[in-house]
Amino acid sequence: MKRNLVILSLVAAMGLMLTSQAIAQSSQGRIPFGGTFDFCGELIDLEGEIHVVANFVESKSGNVMSKFHYNLKATGVGQTSGAAYQANETVNQTINGSKGFNETVTISTLLIGQGKAPNYKYKVTFHITVNANGELTAEVLNESVECK
């Protein structure tokens, strides 16, 4: 859960960086990934790669749209069970606005355990709307976690 909050913060920061840049940009890249994470009560060492795609457009009328997407693919081993795992995570963020804005972030994490090792599923949808006065007018947070 803490890892996903860190990812959500990273996604928001990336969106803020994009909105401070020029009129139209698109970029992508690959980033090595590795770490140890607690899933379903077991520490799992994961290694893999994150593919990142970011787009930013500002229209002549001042409307701004940024999209950020990343897809993580990794393999790992449980420190206690020795079970093999496959990890997939997708994060999407969209920000639209001119006078006020709305932002939507979705995260989907799936960790598949080999054999009798448990599977971990995490999904979150986060949305906010801020009006032209800077007031938060809508906020939605839906989360689900499954370990079986």
N, C-alpha and C. Protein backbone atom coordinates (compact mmCIF):
# COMPACT_ATOMS: atom_id res chain seq x y z
N MET A 1 0.82 -1.19 0.00
CA MET A 1 0.00 0.00 0.00
C MET A 1 0.87 1.25 0.00
N LYS A 2 1.91 1.28 0.86
CA LYS A 2 2.79 2.44 0.91
C LYS A 2 3.47 2.66 -0.42
N ARG A 3 3.84 1.56 -1.09
CA ARG A 3 4.50 1.65 -2.39
C ARG A 3 3.58 2.32 -3.39
N ASN A 4 2.30 1.97 -3.35
CA ASN A 4 1.37 2.56 -4.30
C ASN A 4 1.14 4.04 -4.03
N LEU A 5 1.17 4.43 -2.75
CA LEU A 5 1.04 5.85 -2.44
C LEU A 5 2.25 6.62 -2.96
N VAL A 6 3.43 5.99 -2.88
CA VAL A 6 4.63 6.62 -3.43
C VAL A 6 4.48 6.77 -4.94
N ILE A 7 3.97 5.74 -5.59
CA ILE A 7 3.77 5.79 -7.03
C ILE A 7 2.77 6.88 -7.38
N LEU A 8 1.67 6.97 -6.61
CA LEU A 8 0.68 8.01 -6.86
C LEU A 8 1.30 9.39 -6.74
N SER A 9 2.16 9.58 -5.74
CA SER A 9 2.84 10.86 -5.58
C SER A 9 3.77 11.14 -6.76
N LEU A 10 4.47 10.10 -7.22
CA LEU A 10 5.36 10.23 -8.37
C LEU A 10 4.57 10.63 -9.61
N VAL A 11 3.43 9.99 -9.80
CA VAL A 11 2.60 10.30 -10.95
C VAL A 11 2.11 11.74 -10.89
N ALA A 12 1.68 12.19 -9.72
CA ALA A 12 1.21 13.57 -9.57
C ALA A 12 2.35 14.55 -9.84
N ALA A 13 3.53 14.26 -9.32
CA ALA A 13 4.68 15.14 -9.55
C ALA A 13 5.03 15.20 -11.02
N MET A 14 4.96 14.06 -11.70
CA MET A 14 5.25 14.03 -13.13
C MET A 14 4.24 14.89 -13.88
N GLY A 15 2.99 14.81 -13.49
CA GLY A 15 1.96 15.63 -14.12
C GLY A 15 2.22 17.11 -13.92
N LEU A 16 2.63 17.50 -12.72
CA LEU A 16 2.95 18.90 -12.46
C LEU A 16 4.14 19.35 -13.29
N MET A 17 5.15 18.49 -13.43
CA MET A 17 6.30 18.85 -14.25
C MET A 17 5.88 19.04 -15.71
N LEU A 18 5.00 18.18 -16.18
CA LEU A 18 4.57 18.28 -17.57
C LEU A 18 3.81 19.58 -17.82
N THR A 19 2.97 19.99 -16.86
CA THR A 19 2.15 21.17 -17.08
C THR A 19 2.95 22.45 -17.02
N SER A 20 4.21 22.40 -16.59
CA SER A 20 5.03 23.60 -16.55
C SER A 20 5.91 23.74 -17.79
N GLN A 21 5.76 22.83 -18.74
CA GLN A 21 6.63 22.84 -19.91
C GLN A 21 5.96 23.49 -21.11
N ALA A 22 6.60 23.39 -22.26
CA ALA A 22 6.19 24.07 -23.49
C ALA A 22 4.86 23.57 -24.05
N ILE A 23 4.52 24.03 -25.26
CA ILE A 23 3.20 23.83 -25.85
C ILE A 23 2.86 22.37 -26.20
N ALA A 24 3.76 21.62 -26.78
CA ALA A 24 3.45 20.23 -27.12
C ALA A 24 4.71 19.38 -26.98
N GLN A 25 4.58 18.33 -26.20
CA GLN A 25 5.72 17.42 -26.01
C GLN A 25 5.22 16.00 -25.89
N SER A 26 6.05 15.09 -26.32
CA SER A 26 5.78 13.67 -26.15
C SER A 26 7.12 13.00 -25.93
N SER A 27 7.19 12.14 -24.94
CA SER A 27 8.44 11.43 -24.71
C SER A 27 8.14 10.05 -24.14
N GLN A 28 9.12 9.18 -24.28
CA GLN A 28 9.00 7.84 -23.71
C GLN A 28 10.38 7.30 -23.39
N GLY A 29 10.42 6.32 -22.53
CA GLY A 29 11.69 5.72 -22.18
C GLY A 29 11.49 4.47 -21.36
N ARG A 30 12.58 3.80 -21.11
CA ARG A 30 12.57 2.58 -20.29
C ARG A 30 13.50 2.78 -19.11
N ILE A 31 13.05 2.32 -17.96
CA ILE A 31 13.78 2.52 -16.71
C ILE A 31 13.94 1.16 -16.04
N PRO A 32 15.16 0.77 -15.66
CA PRO A 32 15.33 -0.48 -14.90
C PRO A 32 14.62 -0.36 -13.55
N PHE A 33 14.10 -1.46 -13.07
CA PHE A 33 13.33 -1.47 -11.83
C PHE A 33 13.80 -2.62 -10.95
N GLY A 34 13.91 -2.40 -9.66
CA GLY A 34 14.25 -3.46 -8.72
C GLY A 34 13.93 -3.04 -7.31
N GLY A 35 13.58 -4.00 -6.49
CA GLY A 35 13.30 -3.70 -5.09
C GLY A 35 12.67 -4.88 -4.39
N THR A 36 12.50 -4.73 -3.09
CA THR A 36 11.86 -5.76 -2.27
C THR A 36 10.56 -5.18 -1.73
N PHE A 37 9.47 -5.94 -1.89
CA PHE A 37 8.15 -5.47 -1.52
C PHE A 37 7.40 -6.54 -0.74
N ASP A 38 6.55 -6.09 0.17
CA ASP A 38 5.73 -6.99 0.98
C ASP A 38 4.39 -7.17 0.30
N PHE A 39 4.16 -8.36 -0.27
CA PHE A 39 2.89 -8.71 -0.88
C PHE A 39 2.36 -9.93 -0.16
N CYS A 40 1.14 -9.87 0.30
CA CYS A 40 0.47 -11.03 0.92
C CYS A 40 1.28 -11.60 2.08
N GLY A 41 1.98 -10.74 2.80
CA GLY A 41 2.73 -11.18 3.97
C GLY A 41 4.09 -11.79 3.69
N GLU A 42 4.55 -11.74 2.45
CA GLU A 42 5.87 -12.26 2.12
C GLU A 42 6.68 -11.18 1.41
N LEU A 43 7.96 -11.10 1.77
CA LEU A 43 8.85 -10.18 1.06
C LEU A 43 9.25 -10.83 -0.26
N ILE A 44 9.09 -10.06 -1.34
CA ILE A 44 9.39 -10.57 -2.68
C ILE A 44 10.38 -9.64 -3.34
N ASP A 45 11.49 -10.22 -3.79
CA ASP A 45 12.51 -9.45 -4.52
C ASP A 45 12.11 -9.42 -5.99
N LEU A 46 11.90 -8.20 -6.53
CA LEU A 46 11.47 -8.05 -7.91
C LEU A 46 12.52 -7.30 -8.73
N GLU A 47 12.66 -7.70 -9.98
CA GLU A 47 13.52 -6.99 -10.94
C GLU A 47 12.81 -6.98 -12.28
N GLY A 48 12.93 -5.85 -12.97
CA GLY A 48 12.29 -5.75 -14.27
C GLY A 48 12.52 -4.40 -14.90
N GLU A 49 11.51 -3.93 -15.62
CA GLU A 49 11.64 -2.69 -16.37
C GLU A 49 10.31 -1.94 -16.37
N ILE A 50 10.41 -0.62 -16.36
CA ILE A 50 9.25 0.25 -16.47
C ILE A 50 9.32 0.97 -17.81
N HIS A 51 8.25 0.91 -18.56
CA HIS A 51 8.15 1.66 -19.82
C HIS A 51 7.26 2.87 -19.54
N VAL A 52 7.77 4.07 -19.84
CA VAL A 52 7.07 5.31 -19.53
C VAL A 52 6.76 6.06 -20.83
N VAL A 53 5.53 6.57 -20.92
CA VAL A 53 5.13 7.43 -22.04
C VAL A 53 4.44 8.65 -21.44
N ALA A 54 4.87 9.84 -21.86
CA ALA A 54 4.27 11.08 -21.37
C ALA A 54 3.95 11.99 -22.55
N ASN A 55 2.78 12.61 -22.51
CA ASN A 55 2.35 13.55 -23.55
C ASN A 55 1.80 14.80 -22.91
N PHE A 56 2.04 15.93 -23.53
CA PHE A 56 1.54 17.21 -23.05
C PHE A 56 1.15 18.08 -24.23
N VAL A 57 -0.04 18.67 -24.16
CA VAL A 57 -0.49 19.57 -25.22
C VAL A 57 -1.18 20.77 -24.57
N GLU A 58 -0.85 21.96 -25.06
CA GLU A 58 -1.56 23.16 -24.66
C GLU A 58 -2.11 23.82 -25.92
N SER A 59 -3.42 24.00 -25.95
CA SER A 59 -4.06 24.59 -27.14
C SER A 59 -3.87 26.10 -27.14
N LYS A 60 -4.17 26.71 -28.28
CA LYS A 60 -4.06 28.16 -28.39
C LYS A 60 -5.01 28.88 -27.43
N SER A 61 -6.12 28.22 -27.08
CA SER A 61 -7.08 28.83 -26.16
C SER A 61 -6.67 28.68 -24.70
N GLY A 62 -5.58 27.97 -24.46
CA GLY A 62 -5.08 27.82 -23.09
C GLY A 62 -5.48 26.53 -22.39
N ASN A 63 -6.23 25.67 -23.07
CA ASN A 63 -6.56 24.38 -22.48
C ASN A 63 -5.32 23.50 -22.44
N VAL A 64 -5.16 22.80 -21.35
CA VAL A 64 -3.99 21.95 -21.15
C VAL A 64 -4.44 20.51 -20.98
N MET A 65 -3.73 19.60 -21.63
CA MET A 65 -3.98 18.19 -21.44
C MET A 65 -2.65 17.47 -21.32
N SER A 66 -2.49 16.70 -20.26
CA SER A 66 -1.30 15.87 -20.15
C SER A 66 -1.74 14.45 -19.85
N LYS A 67 -1.01 13.52 -20.44
CA LYS A 67 -1.25 12.10 -20.21
C LYS A 67 0.07 11.45 -19.86
N PHE A 68 0.01 10.61 -18.85
CA PHE A 68 1.19 9.90 -18.38
C PHE A 68 0.80 8.44 -18.25
N HIS A 69 1.63 7.55 -18.78
CA HIS A 69 1.36 6.11 -18.70
C HIS A 69 2.66 5.39 -18.38
N TYR A 70 2.58 4.45 -17.47
CA TYR A 70 3.73 3.57 -17.32
C TYR A 70 3.26 2.16 -17.10
N ASN A 71 4.07 1.26 -17.59
CA ASN A 71 3.79 -0.16 -17.49
C ASN A 71 5.03 -0.84 -16.93
N LEU A 72 4.87 -1.51 -15.81
CA LEU A 72 5.96 -2.24 -15.17
C LEU A 72 5.80 -3.72 -15.45
N LYS A 73 6.88 -4.36 -15.82
CA LYS A 73 6.92 -5.82 -15.97
C LYS A 73 8.14 -6.29 -15.20
N ALA A 74 7.92 -7.26 -14.30
CA ALA A 74 9.03 -7.73 -13.47
C ALA A 74 8.83 -9.20 -13.10
N THR A 75 9.91 -9.83 -12.71
CA THR A 75 9.87 -11.18 -12.16
C THR A 75 10.49 -11.13 -10.78
N GLY A 76 10.12 -12.09 -9.95
CA GLY A 76 10.66 -12.08 -8.60
C GLY A 76 10.61 -13.42 -7.93
N VAL A 77 11.18 -13.45 -6.72
CA VAL A 77 11.23 -14.66 -5.91
C VAL A 77 10.87 -14.30 -4.48
N GLY A 78 9.98 -15.09 -3.89
CA GLY A 78 9.60 -14.90 -2.49
C GLY A 78 10.76 -15.28 -1.58
N GLN A 79 11.10 -14.42 -0.61
CA GLN A 79 12.25 -14.66 0.26
C GLN A 79 12.02 -15.85 1.19
N THR A 80 10.78 -16.11 1.59
CA THR A 80 10.49 -17.22 2.49
C THR A 80 10.14 -18.49 1.74
N SER A 81 9.22 -18.39 0.78
CA SER A 81 8.72 -19.57 0.07
C SER A 81 9.61 -20.01 -1.09
N GLY A 82 10.39 -19.07 -1.66
CA GLY A 82 11.17 -19.37 -2.85
C GLY A 82 10.33 -19.44 -4.10
N ALA A 83 9.03 -19.11 -3.98
CA ALA A 83 8.12 -19.16 -5.13
C ALA A 83 8.47 -18.08 -6.14
N ALA A 84 8.28 -18.41 -7.42
CA ALA A 84 8.51 -17.45 -8.50
C ALA A 84 7.25 -16.60 -8.69
N TYR A 85 7.47 -15.33 -9.04
CA TYR A 85 6.36 -14.39 -9.26
C TYR A 85 6.57 -13.62 -10.55
N GLN A 86 5.45 -13.27 -11.18
CA GLN A 86 5.41 -12.37 -12.32
C GLN A 86 4.62 -11.14 -11.88
N ALA A 87 5.16 -9.95 -12.11
CA ALA A 87 4.49 -8.72 -11.71
C ALA A 87 4.19 -7.86 -12.93
N ASN A 88 3.00 -7.29 -12.93
CA ASN A 88 2.58 -6.33 -13.95
C ASN A 88 1.87 -5.19 -13.25
N GLU A 89 2.24 -3.98 -13.60
CA GLU A 89 1.56 -2.82 -13.03
C GLU A 89 1.39 -1.77 -14.12
N THR A 90 0.21 -1.18 -14.17
CA THR A 90 -0.07 -0.12 -15.13
C THR A 90 -0.58 1.09 -14.37
N VAL A 91 -0.02 2.26 -14.68
CA VAL A 91 -0.46 3.52 -14.11
C VAL A 91 -0.80 4.46 -15.25
N ASN A 92 -1.98 5.06 -15.18
CA ASN A 92 -2.41 6.06 -16.16
C ASN A 92 -2.84 7.30 -15.43
N GLN A 93 -2.43 8.46 -15.94
CA GLN A 93 -2.84 9.73 -15.36
C GLN A 93 -3.23 10.66 -16.51
N THR A 94 -4.34 11.34 -16.33
CA THR A 94 -4.78 12.35 -17.30
C THR A 94 -5.13 13.62 -16.54
N ILE A 95 -4.63 14.75 -17.02
CA ILE A 95 -4.96 16.06 -16.46
C ILE A 95 -5.49 16.92 -17.60
N ASN A 96 -6.66 17.52 -17.39
CA ASN A 96 -7.26 18.44 -18.36
C ASN A 96 -7.63 19.72 -17.64
N GLY A 97 -7.41 20.85 -18.28
CA GLY A 97 -7.85 22.08 -17.64
C GLY A 97 -7.44 23.32 -18.37
N SER A 98 -8.04 24.41 -17.94
CA SER A 98 -7.64 25.75 -18.35
C SER A 98 -7.84 26.64 -17.13
N LYS A 99 -9.07 26.97 -16.82
CA LYS A 99 -9.40 27.68 -15.58
C LYS A 99 -10.00 26.64 -14.66
N GLY A 100 -9.18 26.07 -13.82
CA GLY A 100 -9.57 24.88 -13.07
C GLY A 100 -9.06 23.67 -13.82
N PHE A 101 -9.18 22.50 -13.23
CA PHE A 101 -8.70 21.30 -13.90
C PHE A 101 -9.35 20.07 -13.30
N ASN A 102 -9.22 18.96 -14.01
CA ASN A 102 -9.59 17.67 -13.43
C ASN A 102 -8.45 16.71 -13.70
N GLU A 103 -8.28 15.80 -12.78
CA GLU A 103 -7.20 14.82 -12.87
C GLU A 103 -7.75 13.45 -12.51
N THR A 104 -7.37 12.45 -13.30
CA THR A 104 -7.75 11.07 -13.02
C THR A 104 -6.49 10.20 -13.06
N VAL A 105 -6.34 9.37 -12.04
CA VAL A 105 -5.22 8.43 -11.97
C VAL A 105 -5.80 7.03 -11.74
N THR A 106 -5.35 6.07 -12.53
CA THR A 106 -5.72 4.68 -12.29
C THR A 106 -4.44 3.85 -12.14
N ILE A 107 -4.47 2.93 -11.20
CA ILE A 107 -3.35 2.02 -10.97
C ILE A 107 -3.90 0.60 -10.90
N SER A 108 -3.27 -0.29 -11.61
CA SER A 108 -3.64 -1.69 -11.57
C SER A 108 -2.37 -2.52 -11.39
N THR A 109 -2.31 -3.25 -10.28
CA THR A 109 -1.15 -4.08 -9.98
C THR A 109 -1.58 -5.53 -9.89
N LEU A 110 -0.83 -6.40 -10.54
CA LEU A 110 -1.12 -7.83 -10.50
C LEU A 110 0.19 -8.58 -10.29
N LEU A 111 0.26 -9.35 -9.23
CA LEU A 111 1.42 -10.18 -8.93
C LEU A 111 0.94 -11.62 -8.91
N ILE A 112 1.43 -12.42 -9.84
CA ILE A 112 0.99 -13.81 -9.98
C ILE A 112 2.03 -14.73 -9.38
N GLY A 113 1.61 -15.50 -8.38
CA GLY A 113 2.50 -16.46 -7.74
C GLY A 113 2.44 -17.81 -8.44
N GLN A 114 3.58 -18.47 -8.54
CA GLN A 114 3.66 -19.79 -9.17
C GLN A 114 3.15 -20.85 -8.19
N GLY A 115 2.44 -21.84 -8.71
CA GLY A 115 1.96 -22.95 -7.88
C GLY A 115 0.98 -22.48 -6.82
N LYS A 116 1.25 -22.82 -5.55
CA LYS A 116 0.34 -22.47 -4.45
C LYS A 116 0.61 -21.09 -3.86
N ALA A 117 1.59 -20.40 -4.39
CA ALA A 117 1.88 -19.05 -3.89
C ALA A 117 0.69 -18.14 -4.19
N PRO A 118 0.35 -17.24 -3.26
CA PRO A 118 -0.82 -16.39 -3.47
C PRO A 118 -0.61 -15.35 -4.57
N ASN A 119 -1.71 -14.92 -5.15
CA ASN A 119 -1.72 -13.84 -6.12
C ASN A 119 -2.15 -12.56 -5.40
N TYR A 120 -1.63 -11.43 -5.86
CA TYR A 120 -1.95 -10.13 -5.26
C TYR A 120 -2.53 -9.25 -6.36
N LYS A 121 -3.70 -8.65 -6.09
CA LYS A 121 -4.33 -7.73 -7.03
C LYS A 121 -4.63 -6.43 -6.30
N TYR A 122 -4.26 -5.33 -6.92
CA TYR A 122 -4.52 -4.01 -6.35
C TYR A 122 -5.03 -3.11 -7.45
N LYS A 123 -6.13 -2.41 -7.18
CA LYS A 123 -6.67 -1.46 -8.15
C LYS A 123 -7.06 -0.19 -7.41
N VAL A 124 -6.74 0.94 -8.02
CA VAL A 124 -7.15 2.22 -7.46
C VAL A 124 -7.55 3.16 -8.58
N THR A 125 -8.59 3.92 -8.33
CA THR A 125 -8.98 5.02 -9.21
C THR A 125 -9.09 6.26 -8.33
N PHE A 126 -8.42 7.32 -8.75
CA PHE A 126 -8.43 8.58 -8.02
C PHE A 126 -8.81 9.69 -8.99
N HIS A 127 -9.75 10.53 -8.60
CA HIS A 127 -10.17 11.63 -9.47
C HIS A 127 -10.43 12.87 -8.61
N ILE A 128 -9.98 14.01 -9.10
CA ILE A 128 -10.32 15.29 -8.47
C ILE A 128 -10.71 16.29 -9.55
N THR A 129 -11.58 17.21 -9.15
CA THR A 129 -11.94 18.35 -9.99
C THR A 129 -11.76 19.61 -9.16
N VAL A 130 -11.06 20.58 -9.73
CA VAL A 130 -10.82 21.86 -9.08
C VAL A 130 -11.38 22.94 -9.99
N ASN A 131 -12.22 23.84 -9.43
CA ASN A 131 -12.81 24.88 -10.27
C ASN A 131 -11.85 26.05 -10.49
N ALA A 132 -12.29 27.04 -11.23
CA ALA A 132 -11.44 28.19 -11.59
C ALA A 132 -11.00 28.99 -10.37
N ASN A 133 -11.71 28.87 -9.25
CA ASN A 133 -11.33 29.57 -8.02
C ASN A 133 -10.35 28.78 -7.18
N GLY A 134 -9.94 27.61 -7.68
CA GLY A 134 -9.01 26.77 -6.95
C GLY A 134 -9.67 25.92 -5.88
N GLU A 135 -10.99 25.81 -5.92
CA GLU A 135 -11.72 25.03 -4.91
C GLU A 135 -11.93 23.60 -5.40
N LEU A 136 -11.69 22.67 -4.51
CA LEU A 136 -11.93 21.26 -4.82
C LEU A 136 -13.44 21.03 -4.86
N THR A 137 -13.95 20.61 -6.01
CA THR A 137 -15.39 20.41 -6.15
C THR A 137 -15.78 18.94 -6.27
N ALA A 138 -14.82 18.08 -6.52
CA ALA A 138 -15.10 16.64 -6.58
C ALA A 138 -13.84 15.88 -6.24
N GLU A 139 -14.02 14.79 -5.50
CA GLU A 139 -12.90 13.92 -5.16
C GLU A 139 -13.43 12.49 -5.03
N VAL A 140 -12.79 11.57 -5.74
CA VAL A 140 -13.19 10.17 -5.70
C VAL A 140 -11.93 9.33 -5.48
N LEU A 141 -12.01 8.37 -4.57
CA LEU A 141 -10.93 7.42 -4.36
C LEU A 141 -11.56 6.05 -4.16
N ASN A 142 -11.32 5.16 -5.11
CA ASN A 142 -11.79 3.78 -5.01
C ASN A 142 -10.58 2.86 -5.01
N GLU A 143 -10.50 1.98 -4.02
CA GLU A 143 -9.39 1.04 -3.91
C GLU A 143 -9.92 -0.36 -3.67
N SER A 144 -9.22 -1.33 -4.20
CA SER A 144 -9.50 -2.72 -3.85
C SER A 144 -8.18 -3.49 -3.79
N VAL A 145 -8.07 -4.33 -2.78
CA VAL A 145 -6.88 -5.16 -2.58
C VAL A 145 -7.35 -6.59 -2.38
N GLU A 146 -6.71 -7.50 -3.07
CA GLU A 146 -7.07 -8.91 -2.96
C GLU A 146 -5.80 -9.73 -2.88
N CYS A 147 -5.80 -10.66 -1.93
CA CYS A 147 -4.65 -11.52 -1.75
C CYS A 147 -5.16 -12.94 -1.60
N LYS A 148 -5.00 -13.77 -2.66
CA LYS A 148 -5.47 -15.16 -2.55
C LYS A 148 -4.78 -16.05 -3.54
